[in-house]
N, C-alpha and C. Protein backbone atom coordinates (compact mmCIF):
# COMPACT_ATOMS: atom_id res chain seq x y z
N UNK A 1 -44.10 105.50 35.54
CA UNK A 1 -42.82 104.92 35.91
C UNK A 1 -41.72 105.85 35.44
N UNK A 2 -40.79 106.08 36.32
CA UNK A 2 -39.66 106.95 35.97
C UNK A 2 -38.70 106.22 35.04
N UNK A 3 -37.90 107.01 34.37
CA UNK A 3 -36.94 106.46 33.42
C UNK A 3 -35.98 105.47 34.08
N UNK A 4 -35.44 105.84 35.24
CA UNK A 4 -34.47 104.95 35.89
C UNK A 4 -35.14 103.66 36.37
N UNK A 5 -36.39 103.75 36.82
CA UNK A 5 -37.12 102.55 37.23
C UNK A 5 -37.36 101.63 36.03
N UNK A 6 -37.75 102.24 34.91
CA UNK A 6 -38.01 101.48 33.70
C UNK A 6 -36.73 100.77 33.23
N UNK A 7 -35.63 101.49 33.22
CA UNK A 7 -34.35 100.90 32.77
C UNK A 7 -33.94 99.78 33.72
N UNK A 8 -34.11 99.99 35.01
CA UNK A 8 -33.78 98.96 36.01
C UNK A 8 -34.64 97.72 35.79
N UNK A 9 -35.93 97.92 35.56
CA UNK A 9 -36.84 96.80 35.33
C UNK A 9 -36.46 96.06 34.04
N UNK A 10 -36.17 96.80 32.99
CA UNK A 10 -35.78 96.18 31.73
C UNK A 10 -34.45 95.44 31.86
N UNK A 11 -33.56 95.96 32.69
CA UNK A 11 -32.28 95.28 32.93
C UNK A 11 -32.53 93.92 33.61
N UNK A 12 -33.45 93.90 34.57
CA UNK A 12 -33.81 92.64 35.23
C UNK A 12 -34.42 91.67 34.21
N UNK A 13 -35.26 92.16 33.34
CA UNK A 13 -35.85 91.32 32.30
C UNK A 13 -34.78 90.76 31.38
N UNK A 14 -33.84 91.59 30.99
CA UNK A 14 -32.75 91.14 30.13
C UNK A 14 -31.93 90.05 30.82
N UNK A 15 -31.58 90.26 32.07
CA UNK A 15 -30.78 89.28 32.80
C UNK A 15 -31.53 87.96 32.97
N UNK A 16 -32.81 88.04 33.32
CA UNK A 16 -33.60 86.82 33.50
C UNK A 16 -33.73 86.06 32.19
N UNK A 17 -34.05 86.76 31.12
CA UNK A 17 -34.21 86.11 29.82
C UNK A 17 -32.88 85.54 29.33
N UNK A 18 -31.80 86.26 29.53
CA UNK A 18 -30.48 85.78 29.10
C UNK A 18 -30.12 84.49 29.81
N UNK A 19 -30.34 84.43 31.12
CA UNK A 19 -30.05 83.22 31.89
C UNK A 19 -30.91 82.05 31.44
N UNK A 20 -32.19 82.32 31.16
CA UNK A 20 -33.09 81.27 30.70
C UNK A 20 -32.64 80.72 29.35
N UNK A 21 -32.24 81.60 28.45
CA UNK A 21 -31.78 81.16 27.13
C UNK A 21 -30.51 80.31 27.25
N UNK A 22 -29.59 80.73 28.08
CA UNK A 22 -28.34 79.99 28.27
C UNK A 22 -28.64 78.59 28.84
N UNK A 23 -29.50 78.53 29.87
CA UNK A 23 -29.83 77.24 30.49
C UNK A 23 -30.59 76.32 29.52
N UNK A 24 -31.55 76.89 28.81
CA UNK A 24 -32.32 76.07 27.87
C UNK A 24 -31.45 75.58 26.73
N UNK A 25 -30.57 76.41 26.24
CA UNK A 25 -29.67 76.00 25.17
C UNK A 25 -28.80 74.83 25.61
N UNK A 26 -28.26 74.90 26.81
CA UNK A 26 -27.43 73.81 27.33
C UNK A 26 -28.27 72.54 27.51
N UNK A 27 -29.48 72.69 28.02
CA UNK A 27 -30.35 71.53 28.22
C UNK A 27 -30.73 70.91 26.88
N UNK A 28 -31.00 71.73 25.88
CA UNK A 28 -31.34 71.20 24.56
C UNK A 28 -30.15 70.51 23.91
N UNK A 29 -28.96 71.02 24.13
CA UNK A 29 -27.75 70.34 23.63
C UNK A 29 -27.65 68.95 24.23
N UNK A 30 -27.87 68.85 25.54
CA UNK A 30 -27.80 67.57 26.22
C UNK A 30 -28.92 66.64 25.76
N UNK A 31 -30.11 67.19 25.61
CA UNK A 31 -31.27 66.41 25.14
C UNK A 31 -31.04 65.87 23.74
N UNK A 32 -30.50 66.71 22.89
CA UNK A 32 -30.19 66.29 21.52
C UNK A 32 -29.16 65.16 21.52
N UNK A 33 -28.16 65.27 22.35
CA UNK A 33 -27.12 64.26 22.43
C UNK A 33 -27.66 62.92 22.96
N UNK A 34 -28.75 62.96 23.72
CA UNK A 34 -29.31 61.75 24.31
C UNK A 34 -30.30 61.04 23.39
N UNK A 35 -30.58 61.58 22.23
CA UNK A 35 -31.59 61.00 21.35
C UNK A 35 -31.24 59.57 20.92
N UNK A 36 -29.97 59.30 20.67
CA UNK A 36 -29.57 57.94 20.28
C UNK A 36 -29.85 56.97 21.41
N UNK A 37 -29.58 57.38 22.64
CA UNK A 37 -29.84 56.53 23.79
C UNK A 37 -31.34 56.24 23.92
N UNK A 38 -32.17 57.23 23.67
CA UNK A 38 -33.62 57.04 23.74
C UNK A 38 -34.06 56.05 22.67
N UNK A 39 -33.53 56.17 21.48
CA UNK A 39 -33.88 55.24 20.39
C UNK A 39 -33.45 53.82 20.73
N UNK A 40 -32.27 53.67 21.32
CA UNK A 40 -31.79 52.34 21.71
C UNK A 40 -32.68 51.74 22.80
N UNK A 41 -33.05 52.55 23.79
CA UNK A 41 -33.95 52.07 24.84
C UNK A 41 -35.31 51.69 24.28
N UNK A 42 -35.81 52.49 23.35
CA UNK A 42 -37.10 52.21 22.74
C UNK A 42 -37.09 50.87 22.00
N UNK A 43 -36.01 50.60 21.28
CA UNK A 43 -35.89 49.34 20.55
C UNK A 43 -35.72 48.16 21.52
N UNK A 44 -35.04 48.37 22.62
CA UNK A 44 -34.77 47.32 23.61
C UNK A 44 -36.02 46.95 24.39
N UNK A 45 -36.78 47.97 24.82
CA UNK A 45 -37.93 47.75 25.69
C UNK A 45 -38.99 46.91 24.99
N UNK A 46 -39.36 45.81 25.60
CA UNK A 46 -40.37 44.93 25.04
C UNK A 46 -39.85 43.96 24.00
N UNK A 47 -38.58 44.08 23.63
CA UNK A 47 -38.00 43.17 22.65
C UNK A 47 -37.80 41.79 23.27
N UNK A 48 -37.53 40.80 22.43
CA UNK A 48 -37.24 39.47 22.94
C UNK A 48 -36.01 39.48 23.85
N UNK A 49 -35.03 40.31 23.51
CA UNK A 49 -33.83 40.42 24.34
C UNK A 49 -34.18 40.97 25.72
N UNK A 50 -35.00 42.02 25.76
CA UNK A 50 -35.42 42.59 27.04
C UNK A 50 -36.19 41.54 27.86
N UNK A 51 -37.09 40.83 27.19
CA UNK A 51 -37.89 39.81 27.88
C UNK A 51 -36.99 38.72 28.46
N UNK A 52 -35.97 38.32 27.71
CA UNK A 52 -35.05 37.30 28.21
C UNK A 52 -34.24 37.83 29.39
N UNK A 53 -33.78 39.08 29.27
CA UNK A 53 -33.03 39.70 30.38
C UNK A 53 -33.89 39.78 31.63
N UNK A 54 -35.17 40.15 31.45
CA UNK A 54 -36.09 40.24 32.58
C UNK A 54 -36.31 38.86 33.21
N UNK A 55 -36.50 37.86 32.39
CA UNK A 55 -36.70 36.51 32.90
C UNK A 55 -35.45 36.00 33.64
N UNK A 56 -34.28 36.27 33.06
CA UNK A 56 -33.04 35.86 33.72
C UNK A 56 -32.89 36.55 35.08
N UNK A 57 -33.33 37.80 35.15
CA UNK A 57 -33.28 38.51 36.43
C UNK A 57 -34.24 37.86 37.43
N UNK A 58 -35.43 37.55 36.98
CA UNK A 58 -36.42 36.91 37.86
C UNK A 58 -35.93 35.54 38.35
N UNK A 59 -35.16 34.87 37.53
CA UNK A 59 -34.63 33.55 37.90
C UNK A 59 -33.37 33.65 38.76
N UNK A 60 -32.90 34.88 39.00
CA UNK A 60 -31.71 35.09 39.83
C UNK A 60 -30.41 34.77 39.11
N UNK A 61 -30.42 34.84 37.79
CA UNK A 61 -29.24 34.49 37.01
C UNK A 61 -28.28 35.66 36.79
N UNK A 62 -28.69 36.85 37.17
CA UNK A 62 -27.85 38.04 36.97
C UNK A 62 -27.10 38.36 38.26
N UNK A 63 -25.93 38.97 38.14
CA UNK A 63 -25.17 39.34 39.36
C UNK A 63 -25.99 40.26 40.26
N UNK A 64 -25.90 40.02 41.55
CA UNK A 64 -26.68 40.79 42.53
C UNK A 64 -26.35 42.29 42.50
N UNK A 65 -25.09 42.63 42.18
CA UNK A 65 -24.70 44.05 42.21
C UNK A 65 -24.92 44.75 40.86
N UNK A 66 -25.55 44.08 39.90
CA UNK A 66 -25.82 44.67 38.59
C UNK A 66 -26.99 45.64 38.68
N UNK A 67 -26.79 46.87 38.23
CA UNK A 67 -27.90 47.82 38.16
C UNK A 67 -28.86 47.31 37.10
N UNK A 68 -30.15 47.34 37.42
CA UNK A 68 -31.12 46.75 36.51
C UNK A 68 -32.40 47.57 36.38
N UNK A 69 -32.26 48.88 36.47
CA UNK A 69 -33.41 49.75 36.30
C UNK A 69 -34.11 49.57 34.96
N UNK A 70 -33.34 49.19 33.95
CA UNK A 70 -33.93 48.99 32.61
C UNK A 70 -34.84 47.77 32.56
N UNK A 71 -34.78 46.94 33.59
CA UNK A 71 -35.62 45.76 33.61
C UNK A 71 -36.92 45.97 34.38
N UNK A 72 -37.06 47.13 34.99
CA UNK A 72 -38.31 47.41 35.71
C UNK A 72 -39.43 47.54 34.68
N UNK A 73 -40.63 47.21 35.10
CA UNK A 73 -41.76 47.29 34.18
C UNK A 73 -42.05 48.74 33.76
N UNK A 74 -41.72 49.70 34.63
CA UNK A 74 -42.09 51.08 34.36
C UNK A 74 -40.94 52.00 33.97
N UNK A 75 -39.71 51.63 34.27
CA UNK A 75 -38.59 52.54 34.09
C UNK A 75 -38.47 53.11 32.68
N UNK A 76 -38.30 52.24 31.70
CA UNK A 76 -38.14 52.71 30.32
C UNK A 76 -39.45 53.29 29.81
N UNK A 77 -40.58 52.65 30.14
CA UNK A 77 -41.88 53.14 29.66
C UNK A 77 -42.11 54.57 30.13
N UNK A 78 -41.84 54.84 31.40
CA UNK A 78 -42.02 56.20 31.93
C UNK A 78 -41.12 57.19 31.21
N UNK A 79 -39.87 56.80 30.99
CA UNK A 79 -38.95 57.68 30.28
C UNK A 79 -39.46 57.97 28.87
N UNK A 80 -39.90 56.94 28.16
CA UNK A 80 -40.39 57.14 26.78
C UNK A 80 -41.63 58.01 26.75
N UNK A 81 -42.51 57.85 27.72
CA UNK A 81 -43.70 58.72 27.80
C UNK A 81 -43.29 60.17 28.08
N UNK A 82 -42.37 60.37 29.01
CA UNK A 82 -41.87 61.72 29.29
C UNK A 82 -41.22 62.32 28.05
N UNK A 83 -40.47 61.51 27.32
CA UNK A 83 -39.80 61.96 26.10
C UNK A 83 -40.83 62.40 25.06
N UNK A 84 -41.88 61.58 24.87
CA UNK A 84 -42.93 61.94 23.91
C UNK A 84 -43.63 63.23 24.31
N UNK A 85 -43.93 63.35 25.61
CA UNK A 85 -44.61 64.55 26.09
C UNK A 85 -43.74 65.79 25.91
N UNK A 86 -42.46 65.65 26.21
CA UNK A 86 -41.55 66.78 26.03
C UNK A 86 -41.46 67.17 24.56
N UNK A 87 -41.37 66.19 23.68
CA UNK A 87 -41.33 66.50 22.24
C UNK A 87 -42.60 67.22 21.80
N UNK A 88 -43.73 66.80 22.34
CA UNK A 88 -45.00 67.46 22.02
C UNK A 88 -45.00 68.91 22.53
N UNK A 89 -44.50 69.10 23.74
CA UNK A 89 -44.40 70.47 24.28
C UNK A 89 -43.51 71.33 23.42
N UNK A 90 -42.38 70.77 22.97
CA UNK A 90 -41.47 71.54 22.13
C UNK A 90 -42.13 71.91 20.80
N UNK A 91 -42.89 70.97 20.22
CA UNK A 91 -43.60 71.27 18.96
C UNK A 91 -44.63 72.35 19.19
N UNK A 92 -45.42 72.22 20.28
CA UNK A 92 -46.45 73.21 20.59
C UNK A 92 -45.86 74.57 20.87
N UNK A 93 -44.73 74.60 21.51
CA UNK A 93 -44.08 75.86 21.86
C UNK A 93 -43.67 76.63 20.60
N UNK A 94 -43.29 75.90 19.57
CA UNK A 94 -42.83 76.54 18.34
C UNK A 94 -43.96 76.92 17.40
N UNK A 95 -45.19 76.55 17.72
CA UNK A 95 -46.33 76.88 16.86
C UNK A 95 -47.08 78.07 17.36
């Protein structure tokens, strides 16, 4: 490989890695900021309050235009599983 080819290739590597670091750093900042929300959802899911909210929804006692994704049987559970898997990936990545 010629010198100019090598430098060009290394420049592409630098640019790609720099962009990945910038994007990952921003994503990790956002992920870190969302940790409190995940903890709140974890405490809510399956609690007596969640069960009552779910029952009230089934009985038609909640406003029709109310977003209620948190009352789905899978919504929070899927998020918590994804969260656990991502945390495991992050731990494995650092080892």
